[in-house]
Amino acid sequence: MDHPATAAEAIRAAGLDWRVELFTASALGEPIPGALGVVRMDRREPIAVVGERYVPVQNSAAFEFFDQLIGEGHAVYETAGALDQGRRIWLLAKLPGEVWVTREDPVGKFLLLTNSHDGTSPLRALFTPIRVVCENTLRAALREGQSSGVSIRHVGSVLDKARHARRLLDLALKYYDSFKEQAGAMAGRSLRKEALDLYFKSLVPDPKEGDPARAAATRETLVRLFETGKGNALPTVRGSLWAALNSAAELVDHERPVRVKPGQSEQENRWKSAQFGSGAVLKEQAWSEALALLG
């Protein structure tokens, strides 16, 4: 759908209009004390075992608090999906405007809303800048102590939902203001070869034991992306710390090998890693190390 107006519409368009229910968990025909099974009802498929105090948040309710901002024109629902047979669902919303890191290099302002049905994570909103020229997703925990994401308490009343959405919008605006300042400083910092090598080695160090060939090959890929990666040849970006940071993002999002489990696609596993797994960790580390180089 083009610009769904509500979270419920976005969820239906993405095929996420299903419920989960709780049932007594059992093993070998016997109940498991203190445990409940989470069943995805459209498939009648068990997807998780949780504690007896677990209360599911249905897909239809998980993101509806954000409809307040959609209706006011502060954001647009972009896309949505599920991971791990529905254990995690997510919805990407775009905020108006872009962050211009340089006059040639815009970054889209997105919120990644995510919820789990296996008890592993709460309803969260992750601030997710996306570089337009290459669709690299970034993950930045900013210097002022602003996190790259916030947990969201599930609230029932319309008034509470509106307040919660407004608070999230305020946090996002502050986040992207700081992001613009710090990313712009990175674009203005040139890197010599020695500093570049040290930066990439901090991200991909040689193993303490064993063959360092794999780490060395990954660093060679990072150097290649620094020189020829999408958007890194722009005159206002070439040779900068910002280009080095985006080399790491492009590696995670588009080039690094990912493990593919049976029944899953490479695209799904790459997205999961980039947003919630080891890829997200690497991107946050790349941002932190880049901030350290700024001094």
C-alpha atoms as a PDB file:
ATOM      1  CA  MET A   1       0.000   0.000   0.000  1.00  0.00           C
ATOM      2  CA  ASP A   2       1.095   3.572  -0.605  1.00  0.00           C
ATOM      3  CA  HIS A   3       1.219   5.364   2.738  1.00  0.00           C
ATOM      4  CA  PRO A   4      -1.189   3.272   4.861  1.00  0.00           C
ATOM      5  CA  ALA A   5      -3.096   5.565   7.200  1.00  0.00           C
ATOM      6  CA  THR A   6      -3.129   3.341  10.274  1.00  0.00           C
ATOM      7  CA  ALA A   7      -0.967   0.698  11.881  1.00  0.00           C
ATOM      8  CA  ALA A   8      -3.797  -1.814  11.364  1.00  0.00           C
ATOM      9  CA  GLU A   9      -3.781  -1.130   7.602  1.00  0.00           C
ATOM     10  CA  ALA A  10      -0.012  -1.493   7.432  1.00  0.00           C
ATOM     11  CA  ILE A  11      -0.175  -4.754   9.365  1.00  0.00           C
ATOM     12  CA  ARG A  12      -2.851  -6.146   7.039  1.00  0.00           C
ATOM     13  CA  ALA A  13      -0.887  -5.094   3.947  1.00  0.00           C
ATOM     14  CA  ALA A  14       2.191  -6.898   5.306  1.00  0.00           C
ATOM     15  CA  GLY A  15       0.285 -10.098   6.079  1.00  0.00           C
ATOM     16  CA  LEU A  16       0.623  -9.638   9.832  1.00  0.00           C
ATOM     17  CA  ASP A  17      -3.100  -9.671  10.619  1.00  0.00           C
ATOM     18  CA  TRP A  18      -2.936 -12.727  12.853  1.00  0.00           C
ATOM     19  CA  ARG A  19      -3.150 -13.282  16.607  1.00  0.00           C
ATOM     20  CA  VAL A  20      -1.213 -15.246  19.152  1.00  0.00           C
ATOM     21  CA  GLU A  21      -2.813 -17.163  22.005  1.00  0.00           C
ATOM     22  CA  LEU A  22      -1.425 -18.798  25.138  1.00  0.00           C
ATOM     23  CA  PHE A  23      -1.844 -22.496  25.913  1.00  0.00           C
ATOM     24  CA  THR A  24      -0.520 -24.816  28.580  1.00  0.00           C
ATOM     25  CA  ALA A  25       2.974 -25.870  27.617  1.00  0.00           C
ATOM     26  CA  SER A  26       3.708 -29.562  27.776  1.00  0.00           C
ATOM     27  CA  ALA A  27       6.521 -32.022  27.186  1.00  0.00           C
ATOM     28  CA  LEU A  28       5.952 -35.717  26.524  1.00  0.00           C
ATOM     29  CA  GLY A  29       2.281 -35.161  27.237  1.00  0.00           C
ATOM     30  CA  GLU A  30       2.838 -33.634  30.683  1.00  0.00           C
ATOM     31  CA  PRO A  31       2.283 -29.934  31.588  1.00  0.00           C
ATOM     32  CA  ILE A  32       5.406 -27.861  32.217  1.00  0.00           C
ATOM     33  CA  PRO A  33       4.948 -26.047  35.554  1.00  0.00           C
ATOM     34  CA  GLY A  34       5.050 -22.267  35.253  1.00  0.00           C
ATOM     35  CA  ALA A  35       5.263 -22.281  31.442  1.00  0.00           C
ATOM     36  CA  LEU A  36       2.885 -21.360  28.646  1.00  0.00           C
ATOM     37  CA  GLY A  37       3.127 -21.963  24.927  1.00  0.00           C
ATOM     38  CA  VAL A  38       2.644 -19.100  22.451  1.00  0.00           C
ATOM     39  CA  VAL A  39       0.723 -20.256  19.380  1.00  0.00           C
ATOM     40  CA  ARG A  40       0.428 -18.321  16.135  1.00  0.00           C
ATOM     41  CA  MET A  41      -3.227 -18.900  15.415  1.00  0.00           C
ATOM     42  CA  ASP A  42      -3.387 -18.455  11.624  1.00  0.00           C
ATOM     43  CA  ARG A  43      -1.020 -21.427  11.273  1.00  0.00           C
ATOM     44  CA  ARG A  44      -1.859 -23.174  14.556  1.00  0.00           C
ATOM     45  CA  GLU A  45       1.892 -23.166  15.057  1.00  0.00           C
ATOM     46  CA  PRO A  46       3.695 -23.020  18.432  1.00  0.00           C
ATOM     47  CA  ILE A  47       6.388 -20.351  18.214  1.00  0.00           C
ATOM     48  CA  ALA A  48       7.652 -19.912  21.797  1.00  0.00           C
ATOM     49  CA  VAL A  49       7.499 -21.004  25.424  1.00  0.00           C
ATOM     50  CA  VAL A  50       7.131 -18.197  27.970  1.00  0.00           C
ATOM     51  CA  GLY A  51       6.548 -17.764  31.690  1.00  0.00           C
ATOM     52  CA  GLU A  52       3.069 -17.897  33.174  1.00  0.00           C
ATOM     53  CA  ARG A  53       3.055 -14.119  33.817  1.00  0.00           C
ATOM     54  CA  TYR A  54       3.645 -13.268  30.154  1.00  0.00           C
ATOM     55  CA  VAL A  55       0.920 -11.123  28.555  1.00  0.00           C
ATOM     56  CA  PRO A  56       1.022 -10.985  24.730  1.00  0.00           C
ATOM     57  CA  VAL A  57       0.591  -7.734  22.833  1.00  0.00           C
ATOM     58  CA  GLN A  58      -1.268  -8.506  19.608  1.00  0.00           C
ATOM     59  CA  ASN A  59       0.033  -7.227  16.281  1.00  0.00           C
ATOM     60  CA  SER A  60      -3.102  -5.132  15.826  1.00  0.00           C
ATOM     61  CA  ALA A  61      -2.455  -3.325  19.114  1.00  0.00           C
ATOM     62  CA  ALA A  62       1.350  -3.170  19.194  1.00  0.00           C
ATOM     63  CA  PHE A  63       1.846  -0.069  17.084  1.00  0.00           C
ATOM     64  CA  GLU A  64      -1.534   1.661  17.145  1.00  0.00           C
ATOM     65  CA  PHE A  65      -0.289   4.283  19.629  1.00  0.00           C
ATOM     66  CA  PHE A  66       1.808   5.649  16.768  1.00  0.00           C
ATOM     67  CA  ASP A  67      -1.326   6.355  14.702  1.00  0.00           C
ATOM     68  CA  GLN A  68      -1.562   9.645  16.589  1.00  0.00           C
ATOM     69  CA  LEU A  69       1.522  10.923  14.761  1.00  0.00           C
ATOM     70  CA  ILE A  70       0.544   9.445  11.407  1.00  0.00           C
ATOM     71  CA  GLY A  71      -2.798  11.222  11.576  1.00  0.00           C
ATOM     72  CA  GLU A  72      -1.089  14.527  12.367  1.00  0.00           C
ATOM     73  CA  GLY A  73       1.285  14.150   9.423  1.00  0.00           C
ATOM     74  CA  HIS A  74       4.394  13.670  11.559  1.00  0.00           C
ATOM     75  CA  ALA A  75       5.285  10.287  10.036  1.00  0.00           C
ATOM     76  CA  VAL A  76       4.335   7.787   7.316  1.00  0.00           C
ATOM     77  CA  TYR A  77       4.203   4.006   7.633  1.00  0.00           C
ATOM     78  CA  GLU A  78       6.755   2.625   5.173  1.00  0.00           C
ATOM     79  CA  THR A  79       6.890  -1.175   5.449  1.00  0.00           C
ATOM     80  CA  ALA A  80       6.439  -4.006   7.911  1.00  0.00           C
ATOM     81  CA  GLY A  81       7.400  -7.636   8.333  1.00  0.00           C
ATOM     82  CA  ALA A  82       7.977 -10.634  10.565  1.00  0.00           C
ATOM     83  CA  LEU A  83      11.071 -12.607  11.551  1.00  0.00           C
ATOM     84  CA  ASP A  84      11.560 -16.134  12.887  1.00  0.00           C
ATOM     85  CA  GLN A  85       8.094 -17.428  11.959  1.00  0.00           C
ATOM     86  CA  GLY A  86       6.500 -14.446  13.710  1.00  0.00           C
ATOM     87  CA  ARG A  87       8.480 -14.371  16.942  1.00  0.00           C
ATOM     88  CA  ARG A  88       9.353 -10.760  16.143  1.00  0.00           C
ATOM     89  CA  ILE A  89       7.346  -8.258  14.123  1.00  0.00           C
ATOM     90  CA  TRP A  90       8.459  -4.827  12.985  1.00  0.00           C
ATOM     91  CA  LEU A  91       7.114  -1.726  11.330  1.00  0.00           C
ATOM     92  CA  LEU A  92       9.208   1.016   9.734  1.00  0.00           C
ATOM     93  CA  ALA A  93       7.880   4.587   9.851  1.00  0.00           C
ATOM     94  CA  LYS A  94       9.475   7.568   8.079  1.00  0.00           C
ATOM     95  CA  LEU A  95       9.606  11.002   9.668  1.00  0.00           C
ATOM     96  CA  PRO A  96       9.293  14.052   7.405  1.00  0.00           C
ATOM     97  CA  GLY A  97      12.395  15.598   5.878  1.00  0.00           C
ATOM     98  CA  GLU A  98      15.969  14.387   5.742  1.00  0.00           C
ATOM     99  CA  VAL A  99      19.254  14.988   7.521  1.00  0.00           C
ATOM    100  CA  TRP A 100      21.737  16.546   5.109  1.00  0.00           C
ATOM    101  CA  VAL A 101      25.105  15.362   6.403  1.00  0.00           C
ATOM    102  CA  THR A 102      26.718  17.236   3.507  1.00  0.00           C
ATOM    103  CA  ARG A 103      25.109  19.142   0.646  1.00  0.00           C
ATOM    104  CA  GLU A 104      25.277  15.917  -1.418  1.00  0.00           C
ATOM    105  CA  ASP A 105      24.492  13.258   1.150  1.00  0.00           C
ATOM    106  CA  PRO A 106      20.973  13.068   2.653  1.00  0.00           C
ATOM    107  CA  VAL A 107      19.967  10.580   5.333  1.00  0.00           C
ATOM    108  CA  GLY A 108      16.329   9.594   5.864  1.00  0.00           C
ATOM    109  CA  LYS A 109      14.868   9.781   9.354  1.00  0.00           C
ATOM    110  CA  PHE A 110      13.130   6.533  10.328  1.00  0.00           C
ATOM    111  CA  LEU A 111      11.676   4.876  13.395  1.00  0.00           C
ATOM    112  CA  LEU A 112      11.799   1.087  13.529  1.00  0.00           C
ATOM    113  CA  LEU A 113       9.014  -0.133  15.813  1.00  0.00           C
ATOM    114  CA  THR A 114       9.451  -3.726  16.945  1.00  0.00           C
ATOM    115  CA  ASN A 115       7.679  -6.211  19.212  1.00  0.00           C
ATOM    116  CA  SER A 116       8.313  -9.849  20.121  1.00  0.00           C
ATOM    117  CA  HIS A 117       5.983 -12.769  20.784  1.00  0.00           C
ATOM    118  CA  ASP A 118       8.566 -14.885  22.594  1.00  0.00           C
ATOM    119  CA  GLY A 119       9.269 -12.688  25.616  1.00  0.00           C
ATOM    120  CA  THR A 120      12.781 -11.758  24.486  1.00  0.00           C
ATOM    121  CA  SER A 121      12.168  -8.030  24.014  1.00  0.00           C
ATOM    122  CA  PRO A 122       9.562  -5.394  24.837  1.00  0.00           C
ATOM    123  CA  LEU A 123       7.781  -3.137  22.395  1.00  0.00           C
ATOM    124  CA  ARG A 124      10.571  -0.801  21.256  1.00  0.00           C
ATOM    125  CA  ALA A 125      11.262   2.075  18.918  1.00  0.00           C
ATOM    126  CA  LEU A 126      14.730   2.208  17.368  1.00  0.00           C
ATOM    127  CA  PHE A 127      16.006   5.386  15.753  1.00  0.00           C
ATOM    128  CA  THR A 128      17.211   4.155  12.371  1.00  0.00           C
ATOM    129  CA  PRO A 129      18.824   6.661   9.990  1.00  0.00           C
ATOM    130  CA  ILE A 130      18.966   5.353   6.401  1.00  0.00           C
ATOM    131  CA  ARG A 131      21.490   6.849   3.977  1.00  0.00           C
ATOM    132  CA  VAL A 132      19.573   7.609   0.791  1.00  0.00           C
ATOM    133  CA  VAL A 133      22.333   7.033  -1.769  1.00  0.00           C
ATOM    134  CA  CYS A 134      22.950   3.430  -0.745  1.00  0.00           C
ATOM    135  CA  GLU A 135      20.142   2.456   1.629  1.00  0.00           C
ATOM    136  CA  ASN A 136      22.645   1.809   4.400  1.00  0.00           C
ATOM    137  CA  THR A 137      20.946   1.663   7.788  1.00  0.00           C
ATOM    138  CA  LEU A 138      22.890   3.241  10.618  1.00  0.00           C
ATOM    139  CA  ARG A 139      22.744   2.727  14.349  1.00  0.00           C
ATOM    140  CA  ALA A 140      24.087   5.530  16.483  1.00  0.00           C
ATOM    141  CA  ALA A 141      24.133   5.840  20.269  1.00  0.00           C
ATOM    142  CA  LEU A 142      24.842   9.541  20.491  1.00  0.00           C
ATOM    143  CA  ARG A 143      27.452  11.242  22.617  1.00  0.00           C
ATOM    144  CA  GLU A 144      24.931  13.057  24.809  1.00  0.00           C
ATOM    145  CA  GLY A 145      23.753   9.730  26.181  1.00  0.00           C
ATOM    146  CA  GLN A 146      20.700   9.463  23.949  1.00  0.00           C
ATOM    147  CA  SER A 147      20.085   5.819  23.197  1.00  0.00           C
ATOM    148  CA  SER A 148      19.561   4.506  19.688  1.00  0.00           C
ATOM    149  CA  GLY A 149      16.209   3.176  20.892  1.00  0.00           C
ATOM    150  CA  VAL A 150      13.602   3.350  23.656  1.00  0.00           C
ATOM    151  CA  SER A 151      11.244   0.830  25.228  1.00  0.00           C
ATOM    152  CA  ILE A 152       7.546   1.613  25.008  1.00  0.00           C
ATOM    153  CA  ARG A 153       5.094   0.760  27.754  1.00  0.00           C
ATOM    154  CA  HIS A 154       1.896  -0.734  26.408  1.00  0.00           C
ATOM    155  CA  VAL A 155      -0.817   1.723  27.404  1.00  0.00           C
ATOM    156  CA  GLY A 156      -4.550   1.448  26.931  1.00  0.00           C
ATOM    157  CA  SER A 157      -6.230   4.850  26.857  1.00  0.00           C
ATOM    158  CA  VAL A 158      -6.303   7.095  23.814  1.00  0.00           C
ATOM    159  CA  LEU A 159      -4.919   9.993  25.877  1.00  0.00           C
ATOM    160  CA  ASP A 160      -1.983   7.939  27.159  1.00  0.00           C
ATOM    161  CA  LYS A 161      -1.232   6.708  23.656  1.00  0.00           C
ATOM    162  CA  ALA A 162      -1.176  10.270  22.345  1.00  0.00           C
ATOM    163  CA  ARG A 163       1.188  11.378  25.105  1.00  0.00           C
ATOM    164  CA  HIS A 164       3.457   8.414  24.522  1.00  0.00           C
ATOM    165  CA  ALA A 165       3.574   9.055  20.775  1.00  0.00           C
ATOM    166  CA  ARG A 166       4.342  12.733  21.342  1.00  0.00           C
ATOM    167  CA  ARG A 167       7.172  11.854  23.737  1.00  0.00           C
ATOM    168  CA  LEU A 168       8.627   9.469  21.170  1.00  0.00           C
ATOM    169  CA  LEU A 169       8.455  12.151  18.473  1.00  0.00           C
ATOM    170  CA  ASP A 170      10.220  14.660  20.744  1.00  0.00           C
ATOM    171  CA  LEU A 171      12.989  12.140  21.455  1.00  0.00           C
ATOM    172  CA  ALA A 172      13.351  11.375  17.749  1.00  0.00           C
ATOM    173  CA  LEU A 173      13.672  15.058  16.818  1.00  0.00           C
ATOM    174  CA  LYS A 174      16.388  15.584  19.442  1.00  0.00           C
ATOM    175  CA  TYR A 175      18.127  12.403  18.312  1.00  0.00           C
ATOM    176  CA  TYR A 176      18.279  13.460  14.666  1.00  0.00           C
ATOM    177  CA  ASP A 177      19.471  16.965  15.543  1.00  0.00           C
ATOM    178  CA  SER A 178      22.421  15.425  17.381  1.00  0.00           C
ATOM    179  CA  PHE A 179      22.935  12.877  14.626  1.00  0.00           C
ATOM    180  CA  LYS A 180      23.228  15.660  12.031  1.00  0.00           C
ATOM    181  CA  GLU A 181      25.828  17.520  14.078  1.00  0.00           C
ATOM    182  CA  GLN A 182      27.992  14.485  14.736  1.00  0.00           C
ATOM    183  CA  ALA A 183      27.704  12.942  11.269  1.00  0.00           C
ATOM    184  CA  GLY A 184      28.564  16.317   9.745  1.00  0.00           C
ATOM    185  CA  ALA A 185      31.676  16.489  11.902  1.00  0.00           C
ATOM    186  CA  MET A 186      32.668  13.024  10.673  1.00  0.00           C
ATOM    187  CA  ALA A 187      32.219  14.131   7.055  1.00  0.00           C
ATOM    188  CA  GLY A 188      34.559  17.021   7.761  1.00  0.00           C
ATOM    189  CA  ARG A 189      37.319  14.819   9.212  1.00  0.00           C
ATOM    190  CA  SER A 190      39.758  13.387   6.657  1.00  0.00           C
ATOM    191  CA  LEU A 191      41.448  10.085   7.450  1.00  0.00           C
ATOM    192  CA  ARG A 192      44.995   9.170   6.533  1.00  0.00           C
ATOM    193  CA  LYS A 193      45.805   5.568   5.753  1.00  0.00           C
ATOM    194  CA  GLU A 194      47.292   4.863   9.185  1.00  0.00           C
ATOM    195  CA  ALA A 195      44.202   6.150  10.984  1.00  0.00           C
ATOM    196  CA  LEU A 196      41.899   4.300   8.594  1.00  0.00           C
ATOM    197  CA  ASP A 197      43.733   1.017   9.156  1.00  0.00           C
ATOM    198  CA  LEU A 198      43.527   1.456  12.931  1.00  0.00           C
ATOM    199  CA  TYR A 199      39.821   2.263  12.716  1.00  0.00           C
ATOM    200  CA  PHE A 200      39.016  -0.847  10.703  1.00  0.00           C
ATOM    201  CA  LYS A 201      41.240  -2.998  12.906  1.00  0.00           C
ATOM    202  CA  SER A 202      39.308  -1.775  15.967  1.00  0.00           C
ATOM    203  CA  LEU A 203      36.134  -3.036  14.307  1.00  0.00           C
ATOM    204  CA  VAL A 204      37.559  -6.304  12.974  1.00  0.00           C
ATOM    205  CA  PRO A 205      40.579  -7.278  15.079  1.00  0.00           C
ATOM    206  CA  ASP A 206      42.705 -10.339  14.469  1.00  0.00           C
ATOM    207  CA  PRO A 207      41.646 -13.320  16.605  1.00  0.00           C
ATOM    208  CA  LYS A 208      43.708 -14.018  19.696  1.00  0.00           C
ATOM    209  CA  GLU A 209      44.172 -17.553  18.435  1.00  0.00           C
ATOM    210  CA  GLY A 210      43.932 -19.110  15.017  1.00  0.00           C
ATOM    211  CA  ASP A 211      44.269 -17.874  11.460  1.00  0.00           C
ATOM    212  CA  PRO A 212      43.818 -14.090  11.014  1.00  0.00           C
ATOM    213  CA  ALA A 213      43.122 -14.458   7.277  1.00  0.00           C
ATOM    214  CA  ARG A 214      39.354 -14.014   7.599  1.00  0.00           C
ATOM    215  CA  ALA A 215      39.674 -10.817   9.646  1.00  0.00           C
ATOM    216  CA  ALA A 216      42.263  -9.468   7.204  1.00  0.00           C
ATOM    217  CA  ALA A 217      39.964 -10.220   4.255  1.00  0.00           C
ATOM    218  CA  THR A 218      37.078  -8.396   5.957  1.00  0.00           C
ATOM    219  CA  ARG A 219      39.277  -5.357   6.543  1.00  0.00           C
ATOM    220  CA  GLU A 220      40.287  -5.422   2.871  1.00  0.00           C
ATOM    221  CA  THR A 221      36.592  -5.342   1.985  1.00  0.00           C
ATOM    222  CA  LEU A 222      36.130  -2.358   4.289  1.00  0.00           C
ATOM    223  CA  VAL A 223      38.985  -0.529   2.567  1.00  0.00           C
ATOM    224  CA  ARG A 224      37.425  -1.270  -0.821  1.00  0.00           C
ATOM    225  CA  LEU A 225      34.065   0.052   0.333  1.00  0.00           C
ATOM    226  CA  PHE A 226      35.757   3.125   1.794  1.00  0.00           C
ATOM    227  CA  GLU A 227      37.184   3.871  -1.638  1.00  0.00           C
ATOM    228  CA  THR A 228      34.385   2.707  -3.956  1.00  0.00           C
ATOM    229  CA  GLY A 229      31.287   2.098  -1.811  1.00  0.00           C
ATOM    230  CA  LYS A 230      27.996   3.689  -2.790  1.00  0.00           C
ATOM    231  CA  GLY A 231      28.088   7.396  -2.023  1.00  0.00           C
ATOM    232  CA  ASN A 232      31.657   7.374  -0.776  1.00  0.00           C
ATOM    233  CA  ALA A 233      33.003   8.942  -3.983  1.00  0.00           C
ATOM    234  CA  LEU A 234      30.963  12.111  -3.431  1.00  0.00           C
ATOM    235  CA  PRO A 235      33.369  15.086  -3.254  1.00  0.00           C
ATOM    236  CA  THR A 236      32.087  16.124   0.169  1.00  0.00           C
ATOM    237  CA  VAL A 237      32.386  12.560   1.514  1.00  0.00           C
ATOM    238  CA  ARG A 238      35.470  11.026  -0.156  1.00  0.00           C
ATOM    239  CA  GLY A 239      38.283  10.088   2.226  1.00  0.00           C
ATOM    240  CA  SER A 240      36.410  11.115   5.377  1.00  0.00           C
ATOM    241  CA  LEU A 241      35.566   9.455   8.655  1.00  0.00           C
ATOM    242  CA  TRP A 242      31.926   9.493   7.490  1.00  0.00           C
ATOM    243  CA  ALA A 243      32.928   7.386   4.473  1.00  0.00           C
ATOM    244  CA  ALA A 244      34.721   4.948   6.773  1.00  0.00           C
ATOM    245  CA  LEU A 245      31.651   4.631   9.004  1.00  0.00           C
ATOM    246  CA  ASN A 246      29.439   3.955   6.010  1.00  0.00           C
ATOM    247  CA  SER A 247      31.870   1.294   4.808  1.00  0.00           C
ATOM    248  CA  ALA A 248      31.008  -0.673   7.931  1.00  0.00           C
ATOM    249  CA  ALA A 249      27.274  -0.078   7.403  1.00  0.00           C
ATOM    250  CA  GLU A 250      27.447  -1.193   3.766  1.00  0.00           C
ATOM    251  CA  LEU A 251      29.408  -4.287   4.754  1.00  0.00           C
ATOM    252  CA  VAL A 252      26.723  -5.311   7.264  1.00  0.00           C
ATOM    253  CA  ASP A 253      23.701  -4.407   5.137  1.00  0.00           C
ATOM    254  CA  HIS A 254      24.831  -5.639   1.740  1.00  0.00           C
ATOM    255  CA  GLU A 255      28.023  -7.722   1.710  1.00  0.00           C
ATOM    256  CA  ARG A 256      28.829  -9.597   4.897  1.00  0.00           C
ATOM    257  CA  PRO A 257      27.940 -13.324   4.701  1.00  0.00           C
ATOM    258  CA  VAL A 258      24.989 -14.329   6.891  1.00  0.00           C
ATOM    259  CA  ARG A 259      23.875 -17.710   8.127  1.00  0.00           C
ATOM    260  CA  VAL A 260      20.599 -18.845   6.618  1.00  0.00           C
ATOM    261  CA  LYS A 261      18.416 -21.175   8.668  1.00  0.00           C
ATOM    262  CA  PRO A 262      16.071 -23.679   7.008  1.00  0.00           C
ATOM    263  CA  GLY A 263      12.863 -22.010   5.873  1.00  0.00           C
ATOM    264  CA  GLN A 264      14.354 -18.513   5.991  1.00  0.00           C
ATOM    265  CA  SER A 265      15.815 -16.273   3.320  1.00  0.00           C
ATOM    266  CA  GLU A 266      19.155 -14.516   3.152  1.00  0.00           C
ATOM    267  CA  GLN A 267      17.327 -11.183   3.057  1.00  0.00           C
ATOM    268  CA  GLU A 268      15.443 -11.965   6.282  1.00  0.00           C
ATOM    269  CA  ASN A 269      18.582 -13.038   8.124  1.00  0.00           C
ATOM    270  CA  ARG A 270      20.580 -10.054   6.859  1.00  0.00           C
ATOM    271  CA  TRP A 271      17.846  -7.670   8.034  1.00  0.00           C
ATOM    272  CA  LYS A 272      17.642  -9.385  11.423  1.00  0.00           C
ATOM    273  CA  SER A 273      21.397  -9.186  11.909  1.00  0.00           C
ATOM    274  CA  ALA A 274      21.603  -5.580  10.746  1.00  0.00           C
ATOM    275  CA  GLN A 275      18.810  -4.362  13.018  1.00  0.00           C
ATOM    276  CA  PHE A 276      18.793  -6.685  16.025  1.00  0.00           C
ATOM    277  CA  GLY A 277      21.871  -8.914  15.950  1.00  0.00           C
ATOM    278  CA  SER A 278      25.627  -8.917  15.450  1.00  0.00           C
ATOM    279  CA  GLY A 279      25.393  -6.512  12.516  1.00  0.00           C
ATOM    280  CA  ALA A 280      23.644  -3.916  14.680  1.00  0.00           C
ATOM    281  CA  VAL A 281      26.357  -4.363  17.318  1.00  0.00           C
ATOM    282  CA  LEU A 282      29.075  -3.808  14.715  1.00  0.00           C
ATOM    283  CA  LYS A 283      27.389  -0.655  13.414  1.00  0.00           C
ATOM    284  CA  GLU A 284      27.015   0.781  16.915  1.00  0.00           C
ATOM    285  CA  GLN A 285      30.680  -0.005  17.557  1.00  0.00           C
ATOM    286  CA  ALA A 286      31.623   1.703  14.286  1.00  0.00           C
ATOM    287  CA  TRP A 287      29.737   4.820  15.368  1.00  0.00           C
ATOM    288  CA  SER A 288      31.302   4.815  18.860  1.00  0.00           C
ATOM    289  CA  GLU A 289      34.823   4.385  17.485  1.00  0.00           C
ATOM    290  CA  ALA A 290      34.194   7.173  14.979  1.00  0.00           C
ATOM    291  CA  LEU A 291      33.053   9.486  17.777  1.00  0.00           C
ATOM    292  CA  ALA A 292      36.243   8.648  19.672  1.00  0.00           C
ATOM    293  CA  LEU A 293      38.306   9.721  16.658  1.00  0.00           C
ATOM    294  CA  LEU A 294      36.504  13.063  16.639  1.00  0.00           C
ATOM    295  CA  GLY A 295      37.833  13.647  20.145  1.00  0.00           C
END
